[in-house]
Amino acid sequence: MNGASREALAAARERLDALTDSTSVDAARLADELAAVTALLDREVSLRRVLTDPAQPGEAKAQLAGRLLGGQVGGETVDLVSGMVRSRWSRSRDLVDAVEQLADVADLVAAERDGTLSDAEDELFRFSRILAAAPELRSALSGKVADDSLKAAKTELLHRLLGGRAQPVTERLVTRLVRQPRGRSLEGGLEALSRLAAERRDRSVAVVTSAVPLNDGQKQRLGAALTRLYGREVHLNLDVDPQVLGGIRVRIGDEVIDGTVEERLEQATRRMAG
C-alpha cells in the first residue's frame, strides 16, 4: 500500500491495538468476524467501491457499513470497519487487504494472550519449508478456491496435516489463507503471516540458510550480531540447503546478507567475465 491507504491502515491498526488492549474483547471471535467481512468485500466489488468512494462523505459510508454489518457481527467489528471506511483509500482493494490484515493480527493477539505466539510463528515458518519441499502438496493447497466442496476438501487436508500437531491459531491462519488466497501465492501469504507474528513480538525475522545445521553457540552469536546490527531483537528461522556450499545466507525482509561459498564463487566468476 502507499499514500492514503498506508495512512488508513496505520490508523486502523492503532484502533485495533487500543481495542484488544482490553482483555474483555474476544480477539479470536473478532478475527473470525473480520475474516467474514473480508470475504464479503472481496466478493462484492460494487460494495467496496461505494465504501471507498472519495466523493462520498465518510460518515455516510460508515452508516452504510453499520447497517450492513449490524446484527451480523459484534459491535467491536462494526466500529472497526466503520472507522476504516471513514478513511481515504488509494484503491478499493486496499480496504479489503487492510481488513484481512486486521483479522490476522487479531488472531495473533489471541495467541499472544494464551502464550502460543512464539510456537505459532515457528510453525508458520516450518510449514512454509514443508511446502517448499513438497510441490504436490503445495499444488493441492494452492490456487483459487471457488467451489464449496473443494474448500471443504482443502480444509480437511489441512486439518489432517496440522490438527493436533500445531497450535489452533496456526491452523486457523493457514486455513483462512488456503480458503481465501485472494490472488496471493501460498508462500507469499505464509511469509506475510510470519512477518505479522514477528512484528507482534516487536522483532524482525531473519531467514537463515546454511549448508549444515547451526549449533546452539552459532545461533546465539548470529542472533546477537543481528540484534546489534538492526537495533532490535531478531528471531532466526533456520533452513538447511546443501547447495549454499558452506557459510550462511541471511534474509531480513528485502535485505540479503550473503556469506556463502556459492555467492563468493559467483562473484569471482563475474569479475573474471568482466
C-alpha atoms as a PDB file:
ATOM      1  CA  MET A   1       0.000   0.000   0.000  1.00  0.00           C
ATOM      2  CA  ASN A   2       1.054   3.581  -0.454  1.00  0.00           C
ATOM      3  CA  GLY A   3      -0.161   7.091   0.203  1.00  0.00           C
ATOM      4  CA  ALA A   4      -3.613   7.381   1.682  1.00  0.00           C
ATOM      5  CA  SER A   5      -4.078   3.632   2.060  1.00  0.00           C
ATOM      6  CA  ARG A   6      -0.944   3.260   4.153  1.00  0.00           C
ATOM      7  CA  GLU A   7      -2.107   6.004   6.485  1.00  0.00           C
ATOM      8  CA  ALA A   8      -5.587   4.488   6.710  1.00  0.00           C
ATOM      9  CA  LEU A   9      -4.172   1.067   7.556  1.00  0.00           C
ATOM     10  CA  ALA A  10      -1.900   2.545  10.233  1.00  0.00           C
ATOM     11  CA  ALA A  11      -4.895   4.281  11.827  1.00  0.00           C
ATOM     12  CA  ALA A  12      -6.915   1.050  11.705  1.00  0.00           C
ATOM     13  CA  ARG A  13      -4.082  -0.888  13.334  1.00  0.00           C
ATOM     14  CA  GLU A  14      -3.938   1.689  16.128  1.00  0.00           C
ATOM     15  CA  ARG A  15      -7.676   1.319  16.726  1.00  0.00           C
ATOM     16  CA  LEU A  16      -7.343  -2.468  16.758  1.00  0.00           C
ATOM     17  CA  ASP A  17      -4.468  -2.287  19.251  1.00  0.00           C
ATOM     18  CA  ALA A  18      -6.478   0.023  21.508  1.00  0.00           C
ATOM     19  CA  LEU A  19      -9.468  -2.305  21.300  1.00  0.00           C
ATOM     20  CA  THR A  20      -7.541  -5.508  22.003  1.00  0.00           C
ATOM     21  CA  ASP A  21      -5.697  -3.942  24.919  1.00  0.00           C
ATOM     22  CA  SER A  22      -8.897  -4.759  26.779  1.00  0.00           C
ATOM     23  CA  THR A  23      -8.888  -8.408  27.802  1.00  0.00           C
ATOM     24  CA  SER A  24     -12.692  -8.350  27.760  1.00  0.00           C
ATOM     25  CA  VAL A  25     -12.576  -8.341  23.951  1.00  0.00           C
ATOM     26  CA  ASP A  26     -12.609 -11.842  22.449  1.00  0.00           C
ATOM     27  CA  ALA A  27      -9.745 -11.492  19.960  1.00  0.00           C
ATOM     28  CA  ALA A  28     -10.369 -14.864  18.274  1.00  0.00           C
ATOM     29  CA  ARG A  29     -14.035 -14.014  17.674  1.00  0.00           C
ATOM     30  CA  LEU A  30     -13.010 -10.589  16.387  1.00  0.00           C
ATOM     31  CA  ALA A  31     -10.621 -12.298  13.952  1.00  0.00           C
ATOM     32  CA  ASP A  32     -13.366 -14.588  12.647  1.00  0.00           C
ATOM     33  CA  GLU A  33     -15.745 -11.676  12.131  1.00  0.00           C
ATOM     34  CA  LEU A  34     -13.154  -9.550  10.356  1.00  0.00           C
ATOM     35  CA  ALA A  35     -12.364 -12.527   8.124  1.00  0.00           C
ATOM     36  CA  ALA A  36     -16.075 -12.756   7.254  1.00  0.00           C
ATOM     37  CA  VAL A  37     -16.088  -9.047   6.362  1.00  0.00           C
ATOM     38  CA  THR A  38     -13.018  -9.633   4.206  1.00  0.00           C
ATOM     39  CA  ALA A  39     -14.831 -12.365   2.283  1.00  0.00           C
ATOM     40  CA  LEU A  40     -17.874 -10.116   1.827  1.00  0.00           C
ATOM     41  CA  LEU A  41     -15.862  -7.164   0.499  1.00  0.00           C
ATOM     42  CA  ASP A  42     -13.757  -9.410  -1.727  1.00  0.00           C
ATOM     43  CA  ARG A  43     -16.907 -10.913  -3.242  1.00  0.00           C
ATOM     44  CA  GLU A  44     -18.962  -7.714  -3.562  1.00  0.00           C
ATOM     45  CA  VAL A  45     -16.851  -5.442  -5.757  1.00  0.00           C
ATOM     46  CA  SER A  46     -19.521  -2.765  -6.116  1.00  0.00           C
ATOM     47  CA  LEU A  47     -19.938  -2.562  -2.337  1.00  0.00           C
ATOM     48  CA  ARG A  48     -16.278  -1.985  -1.632  1.00  0.00           C
ATOM     49  CA  ARG A  49     -16.173   0.660  -4.338  1.00  0.00           C
ATOM     50  CA  VAL A  50     -19.036   2.504  -2.674  1.00  0.00           C
ATOM     51  CA  LEU A  51     -17.348   2.211   0.728  1.00  0.00           C
ATOM     52  CA  THR A  52     -14.094   3.671  -0.625  1.00  0.00           C
ATOM     53  CA  ASP A  53     -15.601   6.315  -2.934  1.00  0.00           C
ATOM     54  CA  PRO A  54     -13.767   9.566  -2.088  1.00  0.00           C
ATOM     55  CA  ALA A  55     -16.728  11.573  -3.398  1.00  0.00           C
ATOM     56  CA  GLN A  56     -18.965  10.196  -0.633  1.00  0.00           C
ATOM     57  CA  PRO A  57     -18.923  11.664   2.899  1.00  0.00           C
ATOM     58  CA  GLY A  58     -17.098   9.449   5.376  1.00  0.00           C
ATOM     59  CA  GLU A  59     -19.962   9.428   7.833  1.00  0.00           C
ATOM     60  CA  ALA A  60     -22.416   8.292   5.156  1.00  0.00           C
ATOM     61  CA  LYS A  61     -20.123   5.367   4.309  1.00  0.00           C
ATOM     62  CA  ALA A  62     -19.756   4.489   7.984  1.00  0.00           C
ATOM     63  CA  GLN A  63     -23.525   4.454   8.405  1.00  0.00           C
ATOM     64  CA  LEU A  64     -23.882   2.175   5.380  1.00  0.00           C
ATOM     65  CA  ALA A  65     -21.320  -0.231   6.836  1.00  0.00           C
ATOM     66  CA  GLY A  66     -23.162  -0.166  10.150  1.00  0.00           C
ATOM     67  CA  ARG A  67     -26.489  -1.001   8.504  1.00  0.00           C
ATOM     68  CA  LEU A  68     -24.977  -3.862   6.506  1.00  0.00           C
ATOM     69  CA  LEU A  69     -22.994  -5.408   9.354  1.00  0.00           C
ATOM     70  CA  GLY A  70     -25.146  -4.616  12.361  1.00  0.00           C
ATOM     71  CA  GLY A  71     -26.657  -7.796  13.759  1.00  0.00           C
ATOM     72  CA  GLN A  72     -24.296  -9.916  11.643  1.00  0.00           C
ATOM     73  CA  VAL A  73     -21.117  -9.261  13.629  1.00  0.00           C
ATOM     74  CA  GLY A  74     -20.280  -7.827  17.034  1.00  0.00           C
ATOM     75  CA  GLY A  75     -20.202  -4.151  17.887  1.00  0.00           C
ATOM     76  CA  GLU A  76     -16.384  -4.046  18.021  1.00  0.00           C
ATOM     77  CA  THR A  77     -16.150  -5.305  14.443  1.00  0.00           C
ATOM     78  CA  VAL A  78     -18.785  -2.831  13.247  1.00  0.00           C
ATOM     79  CA  ASP A  79     -16.902   0.033  14.929  1.00  0.00           C
ATOM     80  CA  LEU A  80     -13.579  -1.023  13.406  1.00  0.00           C
ATOM     81  CA  VAL A  81     -14.940  -1.337   9.868  1.00  0.00           C
ATOM     82  CA  SER A  82     -16.942   1.884  10.189  1.00  0.00           C
ATOM     83  CA  GLY A  83     -13.791   3.713  11.196  1.00  0.00           C
ATOM     84  CA  MET A  84     -11.922   2.233   8.248  1.00  0.00           C
ATOM     85  CA  VAL A  85     -14.473   3.339   5.642  1.00  0.00           C
ATOM     86  CA  ARG A  86     -14.357   6.874   7.026  1.00  0.00           C
ATOM     87  CA  SER A  87     -10.706   6.957   5.945  1.00  0.00           C
ATOM     88  CA  ARG A  88      -9.468   7.642   2.442  1.00  0.00           C
ATOM     89  CA  TRP A  89      -8.122   4.689   0.405  1.00  0.00           C
ATOM     90  CA  SER A  90      -5.962   4.842  -2.717  1.00  0.00           C
ATOM     91  CA  ARG A  91      -7.647   1.734  -4.156  1.00  0.00           C
ATOM     92  CA  SER A  92     -10.835  -0.051  -3.164  1.00  0.00           C
ATOM     93  CA  ARG A  93      -8.929  -3.340  -2.928  1.00  0.00           C
ATOM     94  CA  ASP A  94      -6.664  -1.832  -0.274  1.00  0.00           C
ATOM     95  CA  LEU A  95      -9.615  -1.733   2.108  1.00  0.00           C
ATOM     96  CA  VAL A  96     -10.098  -5.497   1.716  1.00  0.00           C
ATOM     97  CA  ASP A  97      -6.388  -6.137   2.255  1.00  0.00           C
ATOM     98  CA  ALA A  98      -6.477  -3.993   5.397  1.00  0.00           C
ATOM     99  CA  VAL A  99      -9.498  -5.756   6.912  1.00  0.00           C
ATOM    100  CA  GLU A 100      -7.822  -9.085   6.207  1.00  0.00           C
ATOM    101  CA  GLN A 101      -4.640  -7.939   7.921  1.00  0.00           C
ATOM    102  CA  LEU A 102      -6.626  -6.859  10.965  1.00  0.00           C
ATOM    103  CA  ALA A 103      -8.201 -10.324  11.098  1.00  0.00           C
ATOM    104  CA  ASP A 104      -4.756 -11.927  11.098  1.00  0.00           C
ATOM    105  CA  VAL A 105      -3.446  -9.548  13.757  1.00  0.00           C
ATOM    106  CA  ALA A 106      -6.475 -10.217  15.965  1.00  0.00           C
ATOM    107  CA  ASP A 107      -5.756 -13.950  15.774  1.00  0.00           C
ATOM    108  CA  LEU A 108      -2.121 -13.285  16.724  1.00  0.00           C
ATOM    109  CA  VAL A 109      -3.315 -11.218  19.683  1.00  0.00           C
ATOM    110  CA  ALA A 110      -5.347 -14.240  20.798  1.00  0.00           C
ATOM    111  CA  ALA A 111      -2.198 -16.377  20.513  1.00  0.00           C
ATOM    112  CA  GLU A 112      -0.210 -13.817  22.480  1.00  0.00           C
ATOM    113  CA  ARG A 113      -2.770 -13.919  25.266  1.00  0.00           C
ATOM    114  CA  ASP A 114      -2.672 -17.701  25.609  1.00  0.00           C
ATOM    115  CA  GLY A 115       1.121 -17.888  25.327  1.00  0.00           C
ATOM    116  CA  THR A 116       1.299 -19.629  21.945  1.00  0.00           C
ATOM    117  CA  LEU A 117       2.508 -16.758  19.732  1.00  0.00           C
ATOM    118  CA  SER A 118       6.111 -17.975  19.620  1.00  0.00           C
ATOM    119  CA  ASP A 119       5.009 -21.506  18.730  1.00  0.00           C
ATOM    120  CA  ALA A 120       2.697 -20.192  16.002  1.00  0.00           C
ATOM    121  CA  GLU A 121       5.487 -18.106  14.499  1.00  0.00           C
ATOM    122  CA  ASP A 122       7.807 -21.107  14.304  1.00  0.00           C
ATOM    123  CA  GLU A 123       5.044 -23.354  12.946  1.00  0.00           C
ATOM    124  CA  LEU A 124       4.213 -20.934  10.138  1.00  0.00           C
ATOM    125  CA  PHE A 125       7.833 -20.956   9.049  1.00  0.00           C
ATOM    126  CA  ARG A 126       8.182 -24.733   9.294  1.00  0.00           C
ATOM    127  CA  PHE A 127       5.008 -25.241   7.285  1.00  0.00           C
ATOM    128  CA  SER A 128       6.356 -22.952   4.559  1.00  0.00           C
ATOM    129  CA  ARG A 129       9.513 -25.107   4.429  1.00  0.00           C
ATOM    130  CA  ILE A 130       7.431 -28.268   4.181  1.00  0.00           C
ATOM    131  CA  LEU A 131       5.536 -26.804   1.231  1.00  0.00           C
ATOM    132  CA  ALA A 132       8.766 -25.756  -0.470  1.00  0.00           C
ATOM    133  CA  ALA A 133       9.965 -29.351  -0.332  1.00  0.00           C
ATOM    134  CA  ALA A 134       6.628 -30.895  -1.364  1.00  0.00           C
ATOM    135  CA  PRO A 135       5.396 -29.472  -4.696  1.00  0.00           C
ATOM    136  CA  GLU A 136       2.460 -31.894  -4.911  1.00  0.00           C
ATOM    137  CA  LEU A 137       1.181 -30.768  -1.515  1.00  0.00           C
ATOM    138  CA  ARG A 138       1.712 -27.125  -2.450  1.00  0.00           C
ATOM    139  CA  SER A 139      -0.255 -27.677  -5.656  1.00  0.00           C
ATOM    140  CA  ALA A 140      -3.077 -29.389  -3.761  1.00  0.00           C
ATOM    141  CA  LEU A 141      -3.424 -26.433  -1.400  1.00  0.00           C
ATOM    142  CA  SER A 142      -2.823 -23.592  -3.868  1.00  0.00           C
ATOM    143  CA  GLY A 143      -4.976 -21.850  -6.415  1.00  0.00           C
ATOM    144  CA  LYS A 144      -8.347 -20.176  -6.495  1.00  0.00           C
ATOM    145  CA  VAL A 145     -10.997 -21.930  -4.406  1.00  0.00           C
ATOM    146  CA  ALA A 146     -14.429 -21.225  -5.838  1.00  0.00           C
ATOM    147  CA  ASP A 147     -16.242 -24.493  -5.231  1.00  0.00           C
ATOM    148  CA  ASP A 148     -17.515 -25.180  -1.686  1.00  0.00           C
ATOM    149  CA  SER A 149     -16.696 -28.879  -1.925  1.00  0.00           C
ATOM    150  CA  LEU A 150     -13.113 -28.031  -2.913  1.00  0.00           C
ATOM    151  CA  LYS A 151     -12.849 -25.628   0.015  1.00  0.00           C
ATOM    152  CA  ALA A 152     -14.039 -28.375   2.327  1.00  0.00           C
ATOM    153  CA  ALA A 153     -11.532 -30.846   0.884  1.00  0.00           C
ATOM    154  CA  LYS A 154      -8.640 -28.430   1.355  1.00  0.00           C
ATOM    155  CA  THR A 155      -9.785 -27.617   4.875  1.00  0.00           C
ATOM    156  CA  GLU A 156      -9.901 -31.319   5.720  1.00  0.00           C
ATOM    157  CA  LEU A 157      -6.433 -31.864   4.252  1.00  0.00           C
ATOM    158  CA  LEU A 158      -5.042 -29.035   6.377  1.00  0.00           C
ATOM    159  CA  HIS A 159      -6.740 -30.421   9.461  1.00  0.00           C
ATOM    160  CA  ARG A 160      -5.089 -33.799   8.872  1.00  0.00           C
ATOM    161  CA  LEU A 161      -1.732 -32.081   8.448  1.00  0.00           C
ATOM    162  CA  LEU A 162      -1.946 -29.591  11.316  1.00  0.00           C
ATOM    163  CA  GLY A 163      -4.671 -30.764  13.667  1.00  0.00           C
ATOM    164  CA  GLY A 164      -3.102 -31.776  16.984  1.00  0.00           C
ATOM    165  CA  ARG A 165       0.385 -31.039  15.594  1.00  0.00           C
ATOM    166  CA  ALA A 166       0.210 -27.248  15.545  1.00  0.00           C
ATOM    167  CA  GLN A 167      -1.344 -24.555  17.675  1.00  0.00           C
ATOM    168  CA  PRO A 168      -5.025 -23.844  16.905  1.00  0.00           C
ATOM    169  CA  VAL A 169      -4.146 -20.300  15.815  1.00  0.00           C
ATOM    170  CA  THR A 170      -1.676 -21.654  13.261  1.00  0.00           C
ATOM    171  CA  GLU A 171      -4.320 -23.928  11.792  1.00  0.00           C
ATOM    172  CA  ARG A 172      -6.839 -21.057  11.678  1.00  0.00           C
ATOM    173  CA  LEU A 173      -4.436 -18.697   9.925  1.00  0.00           C
ATOM    174  CA  VAL A 174      -3.264 -21.236   7.352  1.00  0.00           C
ATOM    175  CA  THR A 175      -6.801 -22.486   6.677  1.00  0.00           C
ATOM    176  CA  ARG A 176      -8.019 -18.943   6.074  1.00  0.00           C
ATOM    177  CA  LEU A 177      -5.123 -18.333   3.697  1.00  0.00           C
ATOM    178  CA  VAL A 178      -5.865 -21.504   1.737  1.00  0.00           C
ATOM    179  CA  ARG A 179      -9.629 -20.930   1.600  1.00  0.00           C
ATOM    180  CA  GLN A 180      -9.290 -17.242   0.675  1.00  0.00           C
ATOM    181  CA  PRO A 181      -5.975 -16.806  -1.190  1.00  0.00           C
ATOM    182  CA  ARG A 182      -7.230 -13.643  -2.923  1.00  0.00           C
ATOM    183  CA  GLY A 183      -4.635 -13.884  -5.676  1.00  0.00           C
ATOM    184  CA  ARG A 184      -1.657 -14.482  -3.368  1.00  0.00           C
ATOM    185  CA  SER A 185       0.711 -17.397  -3.581  1.00  0.00           C
ATOM    186  CA  LEU A 186       0.648 -19.704  -0.596  1.00  0.00           C
ATOM    187  CA  GLU A 187       4.320 -18.999   0.047  1.00  0.00           C
ATOM    188  CA  GLY A 188       3.792 -15.243  -0.056  1.00  0.00           C
ATOM    189  CA  GLY A 189       0.833 -15.467   2.286  1.00  0.00           C
ATOM    190  CA  LEU A 190       2.755 -17.548   4.820  1.00  0.00           C
ATOM    191  CA  GLU A 191       5.680 -15.122   4.699  1.00  0.00           C
ATOM    192  CA  ALA A 192       3.329 -12.197   5.340  1.00  0.00           C
ATOM    193  CA  LEU A 193       1.817 -14.020   8.326  1.00  0.00           C
ATOM    194  CA  SER A 194       5.297 -14.695   9.718  1.00  0.00           C
ATOM    195  CA  ARG A 195       6.148 -11.001   9.440  1.00  0.00           C
ATOM    196  CA  LEU A 196       2.979 -10.047  11.298  1.00  0.00           C
ATOM    197  CA  ALA A 197       3.787 -12.541  14.050  1.00  0.00           C
ATOM    198  CA  ALA A 198       7.319 -11.160  14.373  1.00  0.00           C
ATOM    199  CA  GLU A 199       6.002  -7.611  14.418  1.00  0.00           C
ATOM    200  CA  ARG A 200       3.600  -8.582  17.180  1.00  0.00           C
ATOM    201  CA  ARG A 201       6.615  -9.633  19.213  1.00  0.00           C
ATOM    202  CA  ASP A 202       8.369  -6.374  18.245  1.00  0.00           C
ATOM    203  CA  ARG A 203      11.214  -8.040  16.461  1.00  0.00           C
ATOM    204  CA  SER A 204      12.443  -8.878  12.992  1.00  0.00           C
ATOM    205  CA  VAL A 205      12.579 -12.296  11.366  1.00  0.00           C
ATOM    206  CA  ALA A 206      15.812 -13.432   9.725  1.00  0.00           C
ATOM    207  CA  VAL A 207      15.594 -16.408   7.390  1.00  0.00           C
ATOM    208  CA  VAL A 208      18.998 -18.059   7.783  1.00  0.00           C
ATOM    209  CA  THR A 209      20.079 -20.620   5.194  1.00  0.00           C
ATOM    210  CA  SER A 210      23.170 -22.711   5.845  1.00  0.00           C
ATOM    211  CA  ALA A 211      24.756 -25.779   4.318  1.00  0.00           C
ATOM    212  CA  VAL A 212      24.587 -27.658   7.632  1.00  0.00           C
ATOM    213  CA  PRO A 213      22.532 -27.050  10.798  1.00  0.00           C
ATOM    214  CA  LEU A 214      23.914 -24.360  13.115  1.00  0.00           C
ATOM    215  CA  ASN A 215      24.768 -25.394  16.649  1.00  0.00           C
ATOM    216  CA  ASP A 216      23.430 -23.523  19.690  1.00  0.00           C
ATOM    217  CA  GLY A 217      26.541 -21.388  20.056  1.00  0.00           C
ATOM    218  CA  GLN A 218      26.458 -20.318  16.409  1.00  0.00           C
ATOM    219  CA  LYS A 219      22.763 -19.437  16.647  1.00  0.00           C
ATOM    220  CA  GLN A 220      23.332 -17.354  19.772  1.00  0.00           C
ATOM    221  CA  ARG A 221      26.277 -15.464  18.233  1.00  0.00           C
ATOM    222  CA  LEU A 222      24.437 -14.823  14.977  1.00  0.00           C
ATOM    223  CA  GLY A 223      21.304 -13.668  16.803  1.00  0.00           C
ATOM    224  CA  ALA A 224      23.332 -11.303  18.990  1.00  0.00           C
ATOM    225  CA  ALA A 225      25.200  -9.880  15.978  1.00  0.00           C
ATOM    226  CA  LEU A 226      21.988  -9.236  14.040  1.00  0.00           C
ATOM    227  CA  THR A 227      20.349  -7.667  17.097  1.00  0.00           C
ATOM    228  CA  ARG A 228      23.286  -5.236  17.392  1.00  0.00           C
ATOM    229  CA  LEU A 229      23.175  -4.524  13.655  1.00  0.00           C
ATOM    230  CA  TYR A 230      19.434  -3.778  13.483  1.00  0.00           C
ATOM    231  CA  GLY A 231      18.936  -2.352  16.962  1.00  0.00           C
ATOM    232  CA  ARG A 232      16.094  -4.736  17.837  1.00  0.00           C
ATOM    233  CA  GLU A 233      15.608  -8.406  18.608  1.00  0.00           C
ATOM    234  CA  VAL A 234      15.942 -10.621  15.562  1.00  0.00           C
ATOM    235  CA  HIS A 235      14.303 -14.054  15.505  1.00  0.00           C
ATOM    236  CA  LEU A 236      16.100 -16.718  13.468  1.00  0.00           C
ATOM    237  CA  ASN A 237      14.139 -19.005  11.165  1.00  0.00           C
ATOM    238  CA  LEU A 238      16.667 -21.673  10.216  1.00  0.00           C
ATOM    239  CA  ASP A 239      16.777 -23.543   6.927  1.00  0.00           C
ATOM    240  CA  VAL A 240      19.348 -26.028   5.623  1.00  0.00           C
ATOM    241  CA  ASP A 241      20.303 -26.129   1.937  1.00  0.00           C
ATOM    242  CA  PRO A 242      23.462 -28.032   0.905  1.00  0.00           C
ATOM    243  CA  GLN A 243      23.560 -26.027  -2.324  1.00  0.00           C
ATOM    244  CA  VAL A 244      24.794 -22.926  -0.498  1.00  0.00           C
ATOM    245  CA  LEU A 245      28.228 -24.658  -0.313  1.00  0.00           C
ATOM    246  CA  GLY A 246      29.184 -23.514   3.167  1.00  0.00           C
ATOM    247  CA  GLY A 247      28.717 -20.262   5.031  1.00  0.00           C
ATOM    248  CA  ILE A 248      25.314 -18.725   5.613  1.00  0.00           C
ATOM    249  CA  ARG A 249      22.782 -16.550   3.830  1.00  0.00           C
ATOM    250  CA  VAL A 250      20.624 -14.207   5.935  1.00  0.00           C
ATOM    251  CA  ARG A 251      17.482 -12.536   4.584  1.00  0.00           C
ATOM    252  CA  ILE A 252      15.604  -9.923   6.610  1.00  0.00           C
ATOM    253  CA  GLY A 253      12.736  -8.504   4.604  1.00  0.00           C
ATOM    254  CA  ASP A 254      14.165  -7.408   1.261  1.00  0.00           C
ATOM    255  CA  GLU A 255      17.753  -7.256   2.545  1.00  0.00           C
ATOM    256  CA  VAL A 256      20.099 -10.194   1.953  1.00  0.00           C
ATOM    257  CA  ILE A 257      23.441 -10.741   3.691  1.00  0.00           C
ATOM    258  CA  ASP A 258      25.181 -13.462   1.726  1.00  0.00           C
ATOM    259  CA  GLY A 259      28.318 -15.118   3.101  1.00  0.00           C
ATOM    260  CA  THR A 260      28.104 -18.410   1.222  1.00  0.00           C
ATOM    261  CA  VAL A 261      30.836 -20.038  -0.814  1.00  0.00           C
ATOM    262  CA  GLU A 262      28.373 -20.230  -3.701  1.00  0.00           C
ATOM    263  CA  GLU A 263      27.934 -16.454  -3.722  1.00  0.00           C
ATOM    264  CA  ARG A 264      31.684 -15.837  -3.496  1.00  0.00           C
ATOM    265  CA  LEU A 265      32.233 -18.181  -6.450  1.00  0.00           C
ATOM    266  CA  GLU A 266      29.598 -16.365  -8.449  1.00  0.00           C
ATOM    267  CA  GLN A 267      31.235 -13.013  -7.623  1.00  0.00           C
ATOM    268  CA  ALA A 268      34.627 -14.345  -8.742  1.00  0.00           C
ATOM    269  CA  THR A 269      33.111 -15.670 -11.963  1.00  0.00           C
ATOM    270  CA  ARG A 270      31.508 -12.296 -12.689  1.00  0.00           C
ATOM    271  CA  ARG A 271      34.826 -10.498 -12.102  1.00  0.00           C
ATOM    272  CA  MET A 272      36.640 -12.889 -14.426  1.00  0.00           C
ATOM    273  CA  ALA A 273      33.964 -12.476 -17.091  1.00  0.00           C
ATOM    274  CA  GLY A 274      34.110  -8.701 -16.749  1.00  0.00           C
END
